[in-house]
N, C-alpha and C. Protein backbone atom coordinates (compact mmCIF):
# COMPACT_ATOMS: atom_id res chain seq x y z
N MET A 1 -100.51 -248.36 87.68
CA MET A 1 -100.88 -247.79 88.97
C MET A 1 -102.24 -248.34 89.38
N ILE A 2 -102.34 -248.83 90.57
CA ILE A 2 -103.59 -249.37 91.07
C ILE A 2 -104.48 -248.21 91.50
N LEU A 3 -105.71 -248.20 91.00
CA LEU A 3 -106.63 -247.14 91.35
C LEU A 3 -107.36 -247.52 92.62
N VAL A 4 -107.30 -246.64 93.60
CA VAL A 4 -107.91 -246.96 94.89
C VAL A 4 -109.19 -246.18 95.16
N THR A 5 -109.48 -245.19 94.35
CA THR A 5 -110.69 -244.42 94.60
C THR A 5 -111.90 -245.16 94.04
N LYS A 6 -113.01 -245.02 94.72
CA LYS A 6 -114.24 -245.68 94.28
C LYS A 6 -114.71 -245.09 92.95
N PHE A 7 -114.52 -243.80 92.79
CA PHE A 7 -114.96 -243.17 91.55
C PHE A 7 -114.17 -243.70 90.36
N ALA A 8 -112.87 -243.90 90.55
CA ALA A 8 -112.04 -244.43 89.47
C ALA A 8 -112.48 -245.86 89.13
N GLN A 9 -112.84 -246.62 90.15
CA GLN A 9 -113.33 -247.98 89.90
C GLN A 9 -114.65 -247.95 89.13
N LYS A 10 -115.52 -247.01 89.48
CA LYS A 10 -116.79 -246.88 88.76
C LYS A 10 -116.56 -246.47 87.31
N LEU A 11 -115.62 -245.55 87.09
CA LEU A 11 -115.32 -245.14 85.72
C LEU A 11 -114.82 -246.33 84.91
N GLN A 12 -113.99 -247.15 85.50
CA GLN A 12 -113.47 -248.32 84.81
C GLN A 12 -114.61 -249.29 84.49
N GLN A 13 -115.55 -249.47 85.40
CA GLN A 13 -116.69 -250.34 85.15
C GLN A 13 -117.55 -249.79 84.00
N ILE A 14 -117.74 -248.47 83.98
CA ILE A 14 -118.53 -247.85 82.92
C ILE A 14 -117.87 -248.06 81.56
N VAL A 15 -116.55 -247.86 81.49
CA VAL A 15 -115.84 -248.04 80.23
C VAL A 15 -115.97 -249.48 79.75
N THR A 16 -115.83 -250.41 80.67
CA THR A 16 -115.94 -251.82 80.31
C THR A 16 -117.35 -252.16 79.84
N ALA A 17 -118.36 -251.69 80.57
CA ALA A 17 -119.75 -251.98 80.21
C ALA A 17 -120.14 -251.32 78.90
N LEU A 18 -119.68 -250.09 78.66
CA LEU A 18 -120.00 -249.42 77.40
C LEU A 18 -119.42 -250.19 76.21
N GLY A 19 -118.22 -250.66 76.36
CA GLY A 19 -117.59 -251.43 75.28
C GLY A 19 -118.30 -252.76 75.05
N LYS A 20 -118.86 -253.31 76.08
CA LYS A 20 -119.50 -254.63 75.99
C LYS A 20 -120.96 -254.54 75.54
N TYR A 21 -121.72 -253.57 76.05
CA TYR A 21 -123.16 -253.54 75.84
C TYR A 21 -123.68 -252.40 74.96
N PHE A 22 -122.91 -251.32 74.81
CA PHE A 22 -123.41 -250.16 74.06
C PHE A 22 -122.70 -250.14 72.71
N PRO A 23 -123.42 -250.30 71.63
CA PRO A 23 -122.76 -250.31 70.31
C PRO A 23 -122.04 -248.98 70.03
N ALA A 24 -120.93 -249.05 69.38
CA ALA A 24 -120.08 -247.89 69.13
C ALA A 24 -120.77 -246.82 68.30
N THR A 25 -121.68 -247.22 67.44
CA THR A 25 -122.33 -246.25 66.56
C THR A 25 -123.67 -245.78 67.09
N SER A 26 -124.16 -246.36 68.16
CA SER A 26 -125.44 -245.93 68.74
C SER A 26 -125.27 -244.56 69.37
N THR A 27 -126.37 -243.83 69.44
CA THR A 27 -126.31 -242.48 70.01
C THR A 27 -127.25 -242.39 71.22
N ILE A 28 -126.89 -241.46 72.10
CA ILE A 28 -127.71 -241.18 73.28
C ILE A 28 -127.57 -239.70 73.59
N VAL A 29 -128.64 -239.08 74.07
CA VAL A 29 -128.61 -237.66 74.41
C VAL A 29 -128.43 -237.55 75.93
N LEU A 30 -127.35 -236.91 76.34
CA LEU A 30 -127.05 -236.68 77.76
C LEU A 30 -126.70 -235.22 77.96
N LEU A 31 -127.35 -234.58 78.92
CA LEU A 31 -127.10 -233.17 79.24
C LEU A 31 -127.27 -232.27 78.01
N GLY A 32 -128.22 -232.63 77.17
CA GLY A 32 -128.52 -231.81 76.00
C GLY A 32 -127.57 -232.01 74.84
N LYS A 33 -126.71 -233.00 74.90
CA LYS A 33 -125.75 -233.24 73.82
C LYS A 33 -125.86 -234.70 73.39
N THR A 34 -125.70 -234.95 72.10
CA THR A 34 -125.78 -236.30 71.56
C THR A 34 -124.39 -236.92 71.56
N TYR A 35 -124.30 -238.13 72.10
CA TYR A 35 -123.03 -238.87 72.16
C TYR A 35 -123.18 -240.20 71.46
N THR A 36 -122.10 -240.64 70.82
CA THR A 36 -122.04 -242.01 70.30
C THR A 36 -121.39 -242.88 71.37
N GLY A 37 -121.42 -244.16 71.16
CA GLY A 37 -120.79 -245.08 72.11
C GLY A 37 -119.30 -244.82 72.24
N ASN A 38 -118.65 -244.57 71.11
CA ASN A 38 -117.20 -244.30 71.13
C ASN A 38 -116.89 -243.00 71.88
N GLN A 39 -117.73 -241.97 71.68
CA GLN A 39 -117.51 -240.70 72.37
C GLN A 39 -117.68 -240.84 73.88
N LEU A 40 -118.64 -241.63 74.30
CA LEU A 40 -118.82 -241.88 75.73
C LEU A 40 -117.61 -242.60 76.32
N VAL A 41 -117.15 -243.62 75.62
CA VAL A 41 -115.97 -244.37 76.10
C VAL A 41 -114.78 -243.42 76.19
N GLN A 42 -114.58 -242.56 75.18
CA GLN A 42 -113.45 -241.63 75.19
C GLN A 42 -113.58 -240.63 76.35
N ALA A 43 -114.79 -240.15 76.62
CA ALA A 43 -114.98 -239.18 77.70
C ALA A 43 -114.68 -239.80 79.06
N PHE A 44 -115.21 -240.99 79.29
CA PHE A 44 -114.96 -241.65 80.58
C PHE A 44 -113.50 -242.09 80.69
N GLN A 45 -112.89 -242.49 79.58
CA GLN A 45 -111.48 -242.88 79.61
C GLN A 45 -110.60 -241.67 79.91
N ALA A 46 -111.00 -240.48 79.42
CA ALA A 46 -110.23 -239.26 79.71
C ALA A 46 -110.27 -238.95 81.21
N GLY A 47 -111.43 -239.12 81.82
CA GLY A 47 -111.53 -238.92 83.27
C GLY A 47 -110.69 -239.91 84.04
N LEU A 48 -110.70 -241.16 83.57
CA LEU A 48 -109.89 -242.20 84.22
C LEU A 48 -108.40 -241.91 84.07
N THR A 49 -108.00 -241.44 82.91
CA THR A 49 -106.60 -241.09 82.67
C THR A 49 -106.17 -239.93 83.58
N ALA A 50 -107.05 -238.94 83.74
CA ALA A 50 -106.74 -237.80 84.62
C ALA A 50 -106.57 -238.26 86.07
N LEU A 51 -107.42 -239.16 86.52
CA LEU A 51 -107.29 -239.68 87.89
C LEU A 51 -106.00 -240.47 88.07
N GLU A 52 -105.63 -241.23 87.06
CA GLU A 52 -104.38 -241.99 87.12
C GLU A 52 -103.18 -241.04 87.18
N ALA A 53 -103.25 -239.95 86.42
CA ALA A 53 -102.15 -238.96 86.43
C ALA A 53 -102.01 -238.34 87.81
N VAL A 54 -103.15 -238.05 88.45
CA VAL A 54 -103.11 -237.48 89.80
C VAL A 54 -102.51 -238.48 90.78
N ALA A 55 -102.93 -239.74 90.68
CA ALA A 55 -102.41 -240.76 91.58
C ALA A 55 -100.90 -240.94 91.39
N ASN A 56 -100.44 -240.94 90.14
CA ASN A 56 -99.00 -241.07 89.88
C ASN A 56 -98.23 -239.85 90.40
N ALA A 57 -98.80 -238.67 90.20
CA ALA A 57 -98.14 -237.45 90.67
C ALA A 57 -98.06 -237.43 92.20
N LYS A 58 -99.13 -237.88 92.85
CA LYS A 58 -99.12 -237.93 94.31
C LYS A 58 -98.07 -238.90 94.81
N SER A 59 -97.98 -240.04 94.18
CA SER A 59 -96.99 -241.03 94.57
C SER A 59 -95.57 -240.47 94.39
N ALA A 60 -95.34 -239.83 93.25
CA ALA A 60 -94.02 -239.23 93.00
C ALA A 60 -93.72 -238.13 94.02
N PHE A 61 -94.73 -237.34 94.35
CA PHE A 61 -94.54 -236.27 95.34
C PHE A 61 -94.18 -236.85 96.71
N LEU A 62 -94.88 -237.88 97.13
CA LEU A 62 -94.59 -238.49 98.43
C LEU A 62 -93.19 -239.11 98.46
N GLN A 63 -92.77 -239.72 97.36
CA GLN A 63 -91.41 -240.27 97.29
C GLN A 63 -90.37 -239.15 97.34
N ALA A 64 -90.64 -238.06 96.65
CA ALA A 64 -89.70 -236.92 96.67
C ALA A 64 -89.62 -236.32 98.07
N CYS A 65 -90.75 -236.24 98.77
CA CYS A 65 -90.75 -235.72 100.14
C CYS A 65 -89.94 -236.60 101.07
N ALA A 66 -90.08 -237.91 100.92
CA ALA A 66 -89.32 -238.84 101.76
C ALA A 66 -87.82 -238.71 101.49
N ALA A 67 -87.44 -238.59 100.22
CA ALA A 67 -86.03 -238.44 99.86
C ALA A 67 -85.48 -237.11 100.38
N CYS A 68 -86.29 -236.06 100.30
CA CYS A 68 -85.88 -234.75 100.79
C CYS A 68 -85.66 -234.78 102.30
N LYS A 69 -86.54 -235.45 103.01
CA LYS A 69 -86.41 -235.54 104.46
C LYS A 69 -85.12 -236.22 104.86
N VAL A 70 -84.78 -237.30 104.17
CA VAL A 70 -83.53 -238.02 104.45
C VAL A 70 -82.33 -237.12 104.15
N ALA A 71 -82.37 -236.43 103.01
CA ALA A 71 -81.25 -235.57 102.63
C ALA A 71 -81.09 -234.40 103.60
N LEU A 72 -82.20 -233.83 104.05
CA LEU A 72 -82.12 -232.66 104.93
C LEU A 72 -81.57 -233.00 106.32
N VAL A 73 -81.72 -234.22 106.76
CA VAL A 73 -81.15 -234.61 108.05
C VAL A 73 -79.64 -234.45 108.01
N GLU A 74 -79.02 -234.95 106.95
CA GLU A 74 -77.57 -234.85 106.81
C GLU A 74 -77.14 -233.40 106.56
N VAL A 75 -77.89 -232.69 105.73
CA VAL A 75 -77.54 -231.30 105.42
C VAL A 75 -77.64 -230.43 106.67
N HIS A 76 -78.64 -230.66 107.51
CA HIS A 76 -78.78 -229.86 108.72
C HIS A 76 -77.61 -230.10 109.67
N ALA A 77 -77.18 -231.35 109.78
CA ALA A 77 -76.03 -231.65 110.63
C ALA A 77 -74.79 -230.94 110.09
N LEU A 78 -74.60 -230.93 108.78
CA LEU A 78 -73.47 -230.21 108.18
C LEU A 78 -73.58 -228.71 108.41
N TYR A 79 -74.77 -228.17 108.31
CA TYR A 79 -75.00 -226.74 108.53
C TYR A 79 -74.59 -226.34 109.95
N VAL A 80 -75.04 -227.11 110.92
CA VAL A 80 -74.72 -226.81 112.31
C VAL A 80 -73.21 -226.92 112.55
N ALA A 81 -72.61 -227.97 112.00
CA ALA A 81 -71.16 -228.16 112.19
C ALA A 81 -70.37 -227.02 111.54
N LEU A 82 -70.78 -226.61 110.32
CA LEU A 82 -70.08 -225.51 109.65
C LEU A 82 -70.25 -224.21 110.42
N ALA A 83 -71.45 -223.94 110.92
CA ALA A 83 -71.68 -222.71 111.68
C ALA A 83 -70.81 -222.69 112.92
N ASP A 84 -70.72 -223.80 113.62
CA ASP A 84 -69.87 -223.86 114.82
C ASP A 84 -68.40 -223.67 114.46
N ALA A 85 -67.97 -224.31 113.37
CA ALA A 85 -66.57 -224.19 112.96
C ALA A 85 -66.25 -222.75 112.55
N MET A 86 -67.13 -222.10 111.80
CA MET A 86 -66.89 -220.73 111.36
C MET A 86 -66.88 -219.77 112.55
N ARG A 87 -67.77 -219.98 113.50
CA ARG A 87 -67.78 -219.10 114.68
C ARG A 87 -66.50 -219.27 115.49
N SER A 88 -66.01 -220.51 115.58
CA SER A 88 -64.79 -220.71 116.35
C SER A 88 -63.57 -220.15 115.62
N GLN A 89 -63.58 -220.18 114.29
CA GLN A 89 -62.45 -219.65 113.51
C GLN A 89 -62.47 -218.13 113.42
N LEU A 90 -63.67 -217.56 113.18
CA LEU A 90 -63.76 -216.13 112.91
C LEU A 90 -64.19 -215.30 114.12
N GLY A 91 -64.83 -215.93 115.08
CA GLY A 91 -65.36 -215.19 116.22
C GLY A 91 -66.83 -214.91 116.01
N ARG A 92 -67.56 -214.80 117.09
CA ARG A 92 -69.03 -214.67 117.02
C ARG A 92 -69.49 -213.39 116.32
N GLY A 93 -68.81 -212.29 116.47
CA GLY A 93 -69.27 -211.02 115.92
C GLY A 93 -68.73 -210.69 114.55
N ASN A 94 -68.01 -211.58 113.92
CA ASN A 94 -67.39 -211.29 112.63
C ASN A 94 -68.45 -211.12 111.54
N PRO A 95 -68.37 -210.03 110.76
CA PRO A 95 -69.38 -209.78 109.72
C PRO A 95 -69.34 -210.80 108.57
N ILE A 96 -68.26 -211.52 108.43
CA ILE A 96 -68.18 -212.54 107.37
C ILE A 96 -69.21 -213.65 107.64
N LEU A 97 -69.54 -213.89 108.90
CA LEU A 97 -70.54 -214.90 109.23
C LEU A 97 -71.89 -214.58 108.58
N ALA A 98 -72.22 -213.31 108.50
CA ALA A 98 -73.48 -212.90 107.89
C ALA A 98 -73.52 -213.25 106.41
N GLU A 99 -72.36 -213.22 105.76
CA GLU A 99 -72.31 -213.58 104.34
C GLU A 99 -72.60 -215.06 104.14
N TYR A 100 -72.30 -215.87 105.13
CA TYR A 100 -72.62 -217.29 105.08
C TYR A 100 -74.08 -217.54 105.47
N GLY A 101 -74.73 -216.53 106.02
CA GLY A 101 -76.10 -216.69 106.46
C GLY A 101 -76.22 -217.07 107.92
N PHE A 102 -75.12 -216.98 108.65
CA PHE A 102 -75.14 -217.31 110.08
C PHE A 102 -75.35 -216.04 110.89
N ARG A 103 -75.94 -216.18 112.05
CA ARG A 103 -76.17 -215.05 112.94
C ARG A 103 -74.81 -214.57 113.47
N THR A 104 -74.64 -213.25 113.50
CA THR A 104 -73.34 -212.70 113.89
C THR A 104 -73.26 -212.34 115.36
N ALA A 105 -74.37 -212.08 115.99
CA ALA A 105 -74.33 -211.66 117.39
C ALA A 105 -75.45 -212.35 118.16
N ALA A 106 -75.29 -212.34 119.46
CA ALA A 106 -76.32 -212.91 120.30
C ALA A 106 -77.55 -212.00 120.29
N ARG A 107 -78.67 -212.52 120.72
CA ARG A 107 -79.89 -211.71 120.77
C ARG A 107 -79.68 -210.53 121.70
N SER A 108 -80.18 -209.40 121.27
CA SER A 108 -80.05 -208.21 122.11
C SER A 108 -81.22 -208.14 123.08
N LYS A 109 -81.01 -207.41 124.15
CA LYS A 109 -82.07 -207.24 125.14
C LYS A 109 -83.12 -206.32 124.58
N PRO A 110 -84.38 -206.57 124.94
CA PRO A 110 -85.44 -205.67 124.45
C PRO A 110 -85.31 -204.28 125.06
N SER A 111 -85.82 -203.29 124.35
CA SER A 111 -85.75 -201.92 124.85
C SER A 111 -86.63 -201.78 126.09
N PRO A 112 -86.40 -200.76 126.91
CA PRO A 112 -87.23 -200.59 128.10
C PRO A 112 -88.71 -200.43 127.78
N GLU A 113 -89.02 -199.78 126.65
CA GLU A 113 -90.41 -199.62 126.27
C GLU A 113 -91.05 -200.98 125.96
N THR A 114 -90.31 -201.82 125.26
CA THR A 114 -90.82 -203.15 124.92
C THR A 114 -91.00 -203.98 126.18
N ALA A 115 -90.02 -203.90 127.10
CA ALA A 115 -90.11 -204.66 128.35
C ALA A 115 -91.31 -204.19 129.18
N ALA A 116 -91.55 -202.89 129.23
CA ALA A 116 -92.68 -202.36 130.00
C ALA A 116 -94.00 -202.83 129.38
N ALA A 117 -94.07 -202.81 128.06
CA ALA A 117 -95.30 -203.27 127.40
C ALA A 117 -95.52 -204.77 127.65
N ALA A 118 -94.43 -205.53 127.68
CA ALA A 118 -94.54 -206.97 127.95
C ALA A 118 -95.03 -207.23 129.36
N ILE A 119 -94.55 -206.44 130.32
CA ILE A 119 -94.99 -206.60 131.71
C ILE A 119 -96.47 -206.28 131.85
N LYS A 120 -96.92 -205.21 131.20
CA LYS A 120 -98.34 -204.86 131.26
C LYS A 120 -99.20 -205.96 130.65
N LEU A 121 -98.77 -206.46 129.51
CA LEU A 121 -99.52 -207.52 128.85
C LEU A 121 -99.55 -208.79 129.70
N ARG A 122 -98.42 -209.14 130.28
CA ARG A 122 -98.34 -210.34 131.12
C ARG A 122 -99.26 -210.21 132.33
N THR A 123 -99.25 -209.04 132.97
CA THR A 123 -100.12 -208.81 134.14
C THR A 123 -101.58 -208.89 133.76
N ALA A 124 -101.94 -208.28 132.64
CA ALA A 124 -103.33 -208.31 132.20
C ALA A 124 -103.77 -209.73 131.85
N THR A 125 -102.89 -210.48 131.25
CA THR A 125 -103.22 -211.86 130.90
C THR A 125 -103.43 -212.71 132.15
N ARG A 126 -102.54 -212.56 133.13
CA ARG A 126 -102.67 -213.33 134.38
C ARG A 126 -103.95 -212.96 135.11
N LYS A 127 -104.30 -211.67 135.08
CA LYS A 127 -105.52 -211.22 135.74
C LYS A 127 -106.75 -211.79 135.02
N ALA A 128 -106.72 -211.77 133.69
CA ALA A 128 -107.84 -212.29 132.92
C ALA A 128 -108.02 -213.79 133.11
N ARG A 129 -106.90 -214.50 133.27
CA ARG A 129 -106.97 -215.96 133.43
C ARG A 129 -107.05 -216.39 134.88
N HIS A 130 -106.98 -215.42 135.80
CA HIS A 130 -107.02 -215.69 137.24
C HIS A 130 -105.90 -216.65 137.66
N THR A 131 -104.69 -216.40 137.16
CA THR A 131 -103.56 -217.25 137.51
C THR A 131 -102.70 -216.55 138.55
N LEU A 132 -102.03 -217.35 139.35
CA LEU A 132 -101.15 -216.84 140.40
C LEU A 132 -99.75 -217.38 140.20
N GLY A 133 -98.78 -216.65 140.69
CA GLY A 133 -97.41 -217.10 140.65
C GLY A 133 -97.10 -218.06 141.79
N LYS A 134 -95.88 -218.58 141.79
CA LYS A 134 -95.47 -219.56 142.80
C LYS A 134 -95.55 -218.98 144.21
N ASN A 135 -95.05 -217.76 144.39
CA ASN A 135 -95.05 -217.14 145.72
C ASN A 135 -96.46 -216.78 146.16
N GLN A 136 -97.30 -216.35 145.23
CA GLN A 136 -98.67 -216.01 145.58
C GLN A 136 -99.45 -217.26 145.98
N LYS A 137 -99.19 -218.35 145.31
CA LYS A 137 -99.86 -219.60 145.66
C LYS A 137 -99.41 -220.08 147.05
N ALA A 138 -98.14 -219.87 147.38
CA ALA A 138 -97.62 -220.33 148.67
C ALA A 138 -98.25 -219.57 149.83
N LYS A 139 -98.69 -218.34 149.61
CA LYS A 139 -99.30 -217.54 150.68
C LYS A 139 -100.72 -217.97 150.98
N ILE A 140 -101.34 -218.70 150.09
CA ILE A 140 -102.73 -219.11 150.29
C ILE A 140 -102.75 -220.36 151.16
N LYS A 141 -103.43 -220.28 152.28
CA LYS A 141 -103.57 -221.41 153.20
C LYS A 141 -105.06 -221.63 153.43
N ALA A 142 -105.47 -222.84 153.34
CA ALA A 142 -106.88 -223.16 153.61
C ALA A 142 -107.08 -223.20 155.11
N GLU A 143 -108.16 -222.59 155.57
CA GLU A 143 -108.48 -222.60 156.99
C GLU A 143 -109.68 -223.50 157.21
N VAL A 144 -109.45 -224.57 157.95
CA VAL A 144 -110.52 -225.50 158.26
C VAL A 144 -110.94 -225.23 159.69
N PRO A 145 -112.23 -224.92 159.95
CA PRO A 145 -112.66 -224.66 161.33
C PRO A 145 -112.55 -225.95 162.15
N ILE A 146 -111.94 -225.80 163.32
CA ILE A 146 -111.77 -226.94 164.22
C ILE A 146 -112.90 -226.91 165.24
N GLN A 147 -113.64 -228.00 165.32
CA GLN A 147 -114.77 -228.09 166.26
C GLN A 147 -114.33 -228.91 167.46
N ALA A 148 -114.72 -228.43 168.64
CA ALA A 148 -114.40 -229.17 169.86
C ALA A 148 -115.29 -230.41 169.90
N PRO A 149 -114.72 -231.54 170.33
CA PRO A 149 -115.53 -232.74 170.40
C PRO A 149 -116.60 -232.61 171.48
N GLU A 150 -117.79 -233.16 171.23
CA GLU A 150 -118.87 -233.10 172.20
C GLU A 150 -118.56 -234.07 173.34
N PRO A 151 -118.75 -233.60 174.60
CA PRO A 151 -118.45 -234.50 175.73
C PRO A 151 -119.50 -235.61 175.79
N ALA A 152 -119.03 -236.77 176.13
CA ALA A 152 -119.93 -237.91 176.26
C ALA A 152 -120.65 -237.83 177.60
N SER A 153 -121.93 -238.10 177.64
CA SER A 153 -122.69 -238.02 178.90
C SER A 153 -122.52 -239.33 179.67
N ALA A 154 -122.34 -239.17 180.94
CA ALA A 154 -122.15 -240.35 181.79
C ALA A 154 -123.15 -240.34 182.92
N GLY A 155 -124.36 -240.73 182.71
CA GLY A 155 -125.38 -240.87 183.76
C GLY A 155 -125.73 -239.57 184.41
N ASN A 156 -126.10 -238.54 183.66
CA ASN A 156 -126.43 -237.26 184.26
C ASN A 156 -127.93 -237.12 184.49
N GLY A 157 -128.67 -238.19 184.42
CA GLY A 157 -130.09 -238.17 184.73
C GLY A 157 -130.94 -237.74 183.57
N THR A 158 -130.42 -237.79 182.39
CA THR A 158 -131.22 -237.35 181.26
C THR A 158 -131.87 -238.52 180.55
N GLY A 159 -131.68 -239.68 181.05
CA GLY A 159 -132.26 -240.84 180.42
C GLY A 159 -131.41 -241.37 179.29
N GLY A 160 -130.17 -240.92 179.21
CA GLY A 160 -129.25 -241.42 178.20
C GLY A 160 -129.44 -240.78 176.85
N SER A 161 -130.25 -239.75 176.76
CA SER A 161 -130.46 -239.13 175.44
C SER A 161 -129.38 -238.12 175.13
N GLY A 162 -128.63 -237.70 176.12
CA GLY A 162 -127.55 -236.76 175.91
C GLY A 162 -128.02 -235.33 175.91
N THR A 163 -129.29 -235.04 176.12
CA THR A 163 -129.79 -233.68 176.18
C THR A 163 -130.24 -233.40 177.58
N PRO A 164 -130.02 -232.20 178.10
CA PRO A 164 -130.43 -231.91 179.47
C PRO A 164 -131.95 -231.84 179.56
N PRO A 165 -132.49 -232.12 180.76
CA PRO A 165 -133.95 -232.06 180.90
C PRO A 165 -134.44 -230.65 180.74
N SER A 166 -135.64 -230.50 180.26
CA SER A 166 -136.22 -229.17 180.05
C SER A 166 -136.47 -228.52 181.40
N ALA A 167 -136.47 -227.19 181.42
CA ALA A 167 -136.54 -226.46 182.67
C ALA A 167 -137.84 -226.68 183.44
N GLY A 168 -138.94 -226.71 182.79
CA GLY A 168 -140.20 -226.86 183.54
C GLY A 168 -140.91 -228.15 183.20
N GLY A 169 -140.25 -229.08 182.61
CA GLY A 169 -140.95 -230.25 182.15
C GLY A 169 -140.77 -231.46 183.02
N THR A 170 -141.37 -232.52 182.62
CA THR A 170 -141.32 -233.75 183.36
C THR A 170 -140.38 -234.76 182.73
N GLY A 171 -139.62 -234.35 181.80
CA GLY A 171 -138.71 -235.28 181.13
C GLY A 171 -138.92 -235.23 179.63
N PRO A 172 -138.34 -236.15 178.98
CA PRO A 172 -138.46 -236.14 177.52
C PRO A 172 -139.89 -236.41 177.07
N ALA A 173 -140.30 -235.74 176.06
CA ALA A 173 -141.68 -235.88 175.61
C ALA A 173 -141.82 -236.97 174.60
């Protein structure tokens, strides 16, 4: 199994370097405990073995999931076909269908109490979200104020400014 994790690669490097550079009978104190070279190699090799086991288990799990998915596609088609065949042979309300695990009757209507509670909840939700229904939206019309166009002045003695002369003045200031 190819190890793809960086930690597993580091563990492999440590095992290799310990075997190459650290004598098997030499000792070192780590975390308050004395280790020989062989004990260090065994400890790091155990970690590497555990990581390999996880990688192999994951690979096997993914393969099993893929196989299960393929198998369930066919099984689901058979399930639907059998349910349809049994309903057509026995009838929709036959209690034998329940023994097969198939639904025996259509969904029942909710009780009036449940329906009333659903209506209250739906109304409260729409109010909280400020949503409107199709008919309520259709009643809303935007009103745009229409302004009359300003008449164009045609030589009314204002000097072409378009404003009438002031009442007591001598013209535009």
